[in-house]
Amino acid sequence: MTSVHANNTFDVIGRFMHMGVDPYSFVSSLTGVVAQRLLWLNCPHCVRDVTVDADLLAEADVRDPERYRFRAGAGCTQCRGTGYKGRRAVAEVLRLTDEIREMIIARASIRILKEQARKQGTRFLRDVALELVRDGQTTLQEVNRVTFVA
């Protein structure tokens, strides 16, 4: 087990390739990669429904805003005026299947690797984080701060 600073599971692969690690040696010793981030949660004492402007929706690449419950903390004594209280981890888990291993050895593009991973059930960090926005647990601004629009 090792720790590598990267933005997502696929950046880990790039980091090792950039360091000159042989792809075959890399994938033969790897079973999976986990990327995680901590998101601030809306303060339960002052949270309220909010309207998100079209520019923020476009920046966040949210195409179906009617499926979301946009909420934010107004700021109170419980959260010291921040609107946030507590954090929650979101994670992206990439299991290295034989298909993914073969693609890494063949030096397939990250775009192709992501497509295969999604087919195999990988849920990307941003998707997991956006579920918290859909449920009103955090803000779209917080998700944009912590994850990257793909």
C-alpha atoms as a PDB file:
ATOM      1  CA  MET A   1       0.000   0.000   0.000  1.00  0.00           C
ATOM      2  CA  THR A   2       1.267   3.457  -0.871  1.00  0.00           C
ATOM      3  CA  SER A   3       0.009   7.013  -0.977  1.00  0.00           C
ATOM      4  CA  VAL A   4       0.323   9.204  -4.042  1.00  0.00           C
ATOM      5  CA  HIS A   5      -0.934  12.767  -4.283  1.00  0.00           C
ATOM      6  CA  ALA A   6      -3.197  12.971  -7.325  1.00  0.00           C
ATOM      7  CA  ASN A   7      -6.523  14.514  -8.312  1.00  0.00           C
ATOM      8  CA  ASN A   8      -8.193  11.207  -9.176  1.00  0.00           C
ATOM      9  CA  THR A   9      -7.453   7.526  -9.706  1.00  0.00           C
ATOM     10  CA  PHE A  10      -6.365   8.017 -13.311  1.00  0.00           C
ATOM     11  CA  ASP A  11      -3.809  10.681 -12.410  1.00  0.00           C
ATOM     12  CA  VAL A  12      -2.073   8.046 -10.266  1.00  0.00           C
ATOM     13  CA  ILE A  13      -1.451   5.972 -13.382  1.00  0.00           C
ATOM     14  CA  GLY A  14       0.000   9.004 -15.133  1.00  0.00           C
ATOM     15  CA  ARG A  15       2.225   9.806 -12.164  1.00  0.00           C
ATOM     16  CA  PHE A  16       3.810   6.365 -12.167  1.00  0.00           C
ATOM     17  CA  MET A  17       4.288   6.369 -15.952  1.00  0.00           C
ATOM     18  CA  HIS A  18       5.879   9.818 -15.738  1.00  0.00           C
ATOM     19  CA  MET A  19       8.292   8.477 -13.090  1.00  0.00           C
ATOM     20  CA  GLY A  20       9.428   5.864 -15.613  1.00  0.00           C
ATOM     21  CA  VAL A  21       7.820   2.846 -13.939  1.00  0.00           C
ATOM     22  CA  ASP A  22       7.399  -0.004 -16.417  1.00  0.00           C
ATOM     23  CA  PRO A  23       3.644  -0.397 -17.126  1.00  0.00           C
ATOM     24  CA  TYR A  24       3.781  -4.198 -16.828  1.00  0.00           C
ATOM     25  CA  SER A  25       5.511  -4.062 -13.436  1.00  0.00           C
ATOM     26  CA  PHE A  26       3.084  -1.375 -12.322  1.00  0.00           C
ATOM     27  CA  VAL A  27      -0.124  -3.255 -13.162  1.00  0.00           C
ATOM     28  CA  SER A  28       1.142  -6.637 -11.998  1.00  0.00           C
ATOM     29  CA  SER A  29       1.569  -5.303  -8.457  1.00  0.00           C
ATOM     30  CA  LEU A  30      -1.601  -3.204  -8.321  1.00  0.00           C
ATOM     31  CA  THR A  31      -5.131  -4.351  -7.484  1.00  0.00           C
ATOM     32  CA  GLY A  32      -6.835  -0.997  -7.212  1.00  0.00           C
ATOM     33  CA  VAL A  33      -6.554   2.728  -6.724  1.00  0.00           C
ATOM     34  CA  VAL A  34      -8.623   4.884  -4.371  1.00  0.00           C
ATOM     35  CA  ALA A  35      -8.891   8.660  -4.627  1.00  0.00           C
ATOM     36  CA  GLN A  36     -10.686  10.591  -1.924  1.00  0.00           C
ATOM     37  CA  ARG A  37     -11.634  14.142  -1.059  1.00  0.00           C
ATOM     38  CA  LEU A  38     -13.321  15.761   1.926  1.00  0.00           C
ATOM     39  CA  LEU A  39     -16.330  17.994   1.310  1.00  0.00           C
ATOM     40  CA  TRP A  40     -17.772  20.482   3.770  1.00  0.00           C
ATOM     41  CA  LEU A  41     -21.409  19.720   4.619  1.00  0.00           C
ATOM     42  CA  ASN A  42     -24.182  22.280   4.910  1.00  0.00           C
ATOM     43  CA  CYS A  43     -24.846  23.333   8.487  1.00  0.00           C
ATOM     44  CA  PRO A  44     -28.040  21.553   9.586  1.00  0.00           C
ATOM     45  CA  HIS A  45     -28.987  24.504  11.805  1.00  0.00           C
ATOM     46  CA  CYS A  46     -29.113  27.207   9.128  1.00  0.00           C
ATOM     47  CA  VAL A  47     -29.426  25.317   5.831  1.00  0.00           C
ATOM     48  CA  ARG A  48     -31.985  26.657   3.377  1.00  0.00           C
ATOM     49  CA  ASP A  49     -32.999  26.176  -0.237  1.00  0.00           C
ATOM     50  CA  VAL A  50     -31.149  28.443  -2.656  1.00  0.00           C
ATOM     51  CA  THR A  51     -31.309  29.328  -6.317  1.00  0.00           C
ATOM     52  CA  VAL A  52     -28.186  28.661  -8.359  1.00  0.00           C
ATOM     53  CA  ASP A  53     -27.505  30.999 -11.259  1.00  0.00           C
ATOM     54  CA  ALA A  54     -27.110  29.770 -14.801  1.00  0.00           C
ATOM     55  CA  ASP A  55     -23.410  30.690 -14.950  1.00  0.00           C
ATOM     56  CA  LEU A  56     -22.577  28.425 -12.009  1.00  0.00           C
ATOM     57  CA  LEU A  57     -24.638  25.588 -13.505  1.00  0.00           C
ATOM     58  CA  ALA A  58     -22.771  25.960 -16.799  1.00  0.00           C
ATOM     59  CA  GLU A  59     -19.381  26.143 -15.047  1.00  0.00           C
ATOM     60  CA  ALA A  60     -20.236  22.980 -13.104  1.00  0.00           C
ATOM     61  CA  ASP A  61     -21.568  21.273 -16.245  1.00  0.00           C
ATOM     62  CA  VAL A  62     -24.887  20.503 -14.524  1.00  0.00           C
ATOM     63  CA  ARG A  63     -27.288  19.661 -17.337  1.00  0.00           C
ATOM     64  CA  ASP A  64     -30.341  18.587 -15.366  1.00  0.00           C
ATOM     65  CA  PRO A  65     -30.758  21.104 -12.509  1.00  0.00           C
ATOM     66  CA  GLU A  66     -34.351  20.026 -11.855  1.00  0.00           C
ATOM     67  CA  ARG A  67     -32.964  16.810 -10.327  1.00  0.00           C
ATOM     68  CA  TYR A  68     -31.045  18.751  -7.670  1.00  0.00           C
ATOM     69  CA  ARG A  69     -32.011  20.184  -4.321  1.00  0.00           C
ATOM     70  CA  PHE A  70     -29.754  23.205  -4.115  1.00  0.00           C
ATOM     71  CA  ARG A  71     -29.217  24.163  -0.484  1.00  0.00           C
ATOM     72  CA  ALA A  72     -26.697  26.202   1.470  1.00  0.00           C
ATOM     73  CA  GLY A  73     -26.124  27.272   5.030  1.00  0.00           C
ATOM     74  CA  ALA A  74     -26.939  30.915   5.724  1.00  0.00           C
ATOM     75  CA  GLY A  75     -24.407  31.153   8.549  1.00  0.00           C
ATOM     76  CA  CYS A  76     -25.248  30.954  12.244  1.00  0.00           C
ATOM     77  CA  THR A  77     -23.590  30.621  15.638  1.00  0.00           C
ATOM     78  CA  GLN A  78     -23.489  26.821  15.309  1.00  0.00           C
ATOM     79  CA  CYS A  79     -21.283  26.986  12.188  1.00  0.00           C
ATOM     80  CA  ARG A  80     -19.524  30.245  13.155  1.00  0.00           C
ATOM     81  CA  GLY A  81     -21.084  32.010  10.205  1.00  0.00           C
ATOM     82  CA  THR A  82     -19.585  29.727   7.553  1.00  0.00           C
ATOM     83  CA  GLY A  83     -22.740  27.858   6.496  1.00  0.00           C
ATOM     84  CA  TYR A  84     -20.835  24.574   6.785  1.00  0.00           C
ATOM     85  CA  LYS A  85     -20.573  22.134   9.676  1.00  0.00           C
ATOM     86  CA  GLY A  86     -18.775  18.830   9.411  1.00  0.00           C
ATOM     87  CA  ARG A  87     -17.185  17.081   6.478  1.00  0.00           C
ATOM     88  CA  ARG A  88     -17.752  13.941   4.503  1.00  0.00           C
ATOM     89  CA  ALA A  89     -15.379  11.860   2.424  1.00  0.00           C
ATOM     90  CA  VAL A  90     -16.166  11.044  -1.184  1.00  0.00           C
ATOM     91  CA  ALA A  91     -14.169   8.385  -2.968  1.00  0.00           C
ATOM     92  CA  GLU A  92     -13.438   7.034  -6.414  1.00  0.00           C
ATOM     93  CA  VAL A  93     -12.361   3.389  -6.545  1.00  0.00           C
ATOM     94  CA  LEU A  94     -10.710   1.958  -9.654  1.00  0.00           C
ATOM     95  CA  ARG A  95     -10.471  -1.832  -9.606  1.00  0.00           C
ATOM     96  CA  LEU A  96      -7.792  -3.086 -11.950  1.00  0.00           C
ATOM     97  CA  THR A  97      -9.500  -5.718 -14.042  1.00  0.00           C
ATOM     98  CA  ASP A  98      -7.681  -7.634 -16.753  1.00  0.00           C
ATOM     99  CA  GLU A  99      -9.125  -5.238 -19.343  1.00  0.00           C
ATOM    100  CA  ILE A 100      -7.863  -2.159 -17.521  1.00  0.00           C
ATOM    101  CA  ARG A 101      -4.451  -3.774 -16.968  1.00  0.00           C
ATOM    102  CA  GLU A 102      -4.108  -4.577 -20.673  1.00  0.00           C
ATOM    103  CA  MET A 103      -5.089  -1.031 -21.579  1.00  0.00           C
ATOM    104  CA  ILE A 104      -2.479   0.454 -19.232  1.00  0.00           C
ATOM    105  CA  ILE A 105       0.242  -1.829 -20.631  1.00  0.00           C
ATOM    106  CA  ALA A 106      -0.797  -0.764 -24.143  1.00  0.00           C
ATOM    107  CA  ARG A 107      -0.614   2.877 -22.963  1.00  0.00           C
ATOM    108  CA  ALA A 108      -4.231   3.598 -23.858  1.00  0.00           C
ATOM    109  CA  SER A 109      -5.347   7.184 -23.385  1.00  0.00           C
ATOM    110  CA  ILE A 110      -6.885   8.240 -20.087  1.00  0.00           C
ATOM    111  CA  ARG A 111     -10.146   8.972 -21.938  1.00  0.00           C
ATOM    112  CA  ILE A 112     -10.328   5.340 -23.114  1.00  0.00           C
ATOM    113  CA  LEU A 113      -9.415   4.061 -19.631  1.00  0.00           C
ATOM    114  CA  LYS A 114     -12.171   6.201 -18.101  1.00  0.00           C
ATOM    115  CA  GLU A 115     -14.739   4.882 -20.574  1.00  0.00           C
ATOM    116  CA  GLN A 116     -13.816   1.289 -19.733  1.00  0.00           C
ATOM    117  CA  ALA A 117     -13.814   1.992 -15.996  1.00  0.00           C
ATOM    118  CA  ARG A 118     -17.281   3.565 -16.212  1.00  0.00           C
ATOM    119  CA  LYS A 119     -18.547   0.491 -18.097  1.00  0.00           C
ATOM    120  CA  GLN A 120     -17.174  -1.651 -15.270  1.00  0.00           C
ATOM    121  CA  GLY A 121     -19.019   0.379 -12.636  1.00  0.00           C
ATOM    122  CA  THR A 122     -16.483   2.954 -11.465  1.00  0.00           C
ATOM    123  CA  ARG A 123     -18.179   6.005  -9.984  1.00  0.00           C
ATOM    124  CA  PHE A 124     -16.018   9.077 -10.427  1.00  0.00           C
ATOM    125  CA  LEU A 125     -15.304  11.530  -7.600  1.00  0.00           C
ATOM    126  CA  ARG A 126     -17.322  14.314  -9.140  1.00  0.00           C
ATOM    127  CA  ASP A 127     -20.347  12.075  -9.699  1.00  0.00           C
ATOM    128  CA  VAL A 128     -20.281  10.947  -6.066  1.00  0.00           C
ATOM    129  CA  ALA A 129     -19.884  14.554  -4.879  1.00  0.00           C
ATOM    130  CA  LEU A 130     -22.761  15.740  -7.075  1.00  0.00           C
ATOM    131  CA  GLU A 131     -24.998  13.168  -5.382  1.00  0.00           C
ATOM    132  CA  LEU A 132     -24.462  15.106  -2.151  1.00  0.00           C
ATOM    133  CA  VAL A 133     -25.587  18.283  -3.934  1.00  0.00           C
ATOM    134  CA  ARG A 134     -28.653  16.460  -5.301  1.00  0.00           C
ATOM    135  CA  ASP A 135     -29.539  15.501  -1.728  1.00  0.00           C
ATOM    136  CA  GLY A 136     -28.960  19.036  -0.415  1.00  0.00           C
ATOM    137  CA  GLN A 137     -26.061  17.977   1.831  1.00  0.00           C
ATOM    138  CA  THR A 138     -23.445  20.317   0.324  1.00  0.00           C
ATOM    139  CA  THR A 139     -23.209  23.150  -2.181  1.00  0.00           C
ATOM    140  CA  LEU A 140     -22.322  23.144  -5.840  1.00  0.00           C
ATOM    141  CA  GLN A 141     -19.594  25.670  -5.040  1.00  0.00           C
ATOM    142  CA  GLU A 142     -18.013  23.191  -2.596  1.00  0.00           C
ATOM    143  CA  VAL A 143     -18.113  20.397  -5.178  1.00  0.00           C
ATOM    144  CA  ASN A 144     -16.495  22.681  -7.761  1.00  0.00           C
ATOM    145  CA  ARG A 145     -13.794  23.620  -5.243  1.00  0.00           C
ATOM    146  CA  VAL A 146     -12.905  20.027  -4.425  1.00  0.00           C
ATOM    147  CA  THR A 147     -13.440  18.163  -7.716  1.00  0.00           C
ATOM    148  CA  PHE A 148     -12.763  18.936 -11.345  1.00  0.00           C
ATOM    149  CA  VAL A 149     -15.247  19.184 -14.186  1.00  0.00           C
ATOM    150  CA  ALA A 150     -14.372  16.360 -16.576  1.00  0.00           C
END
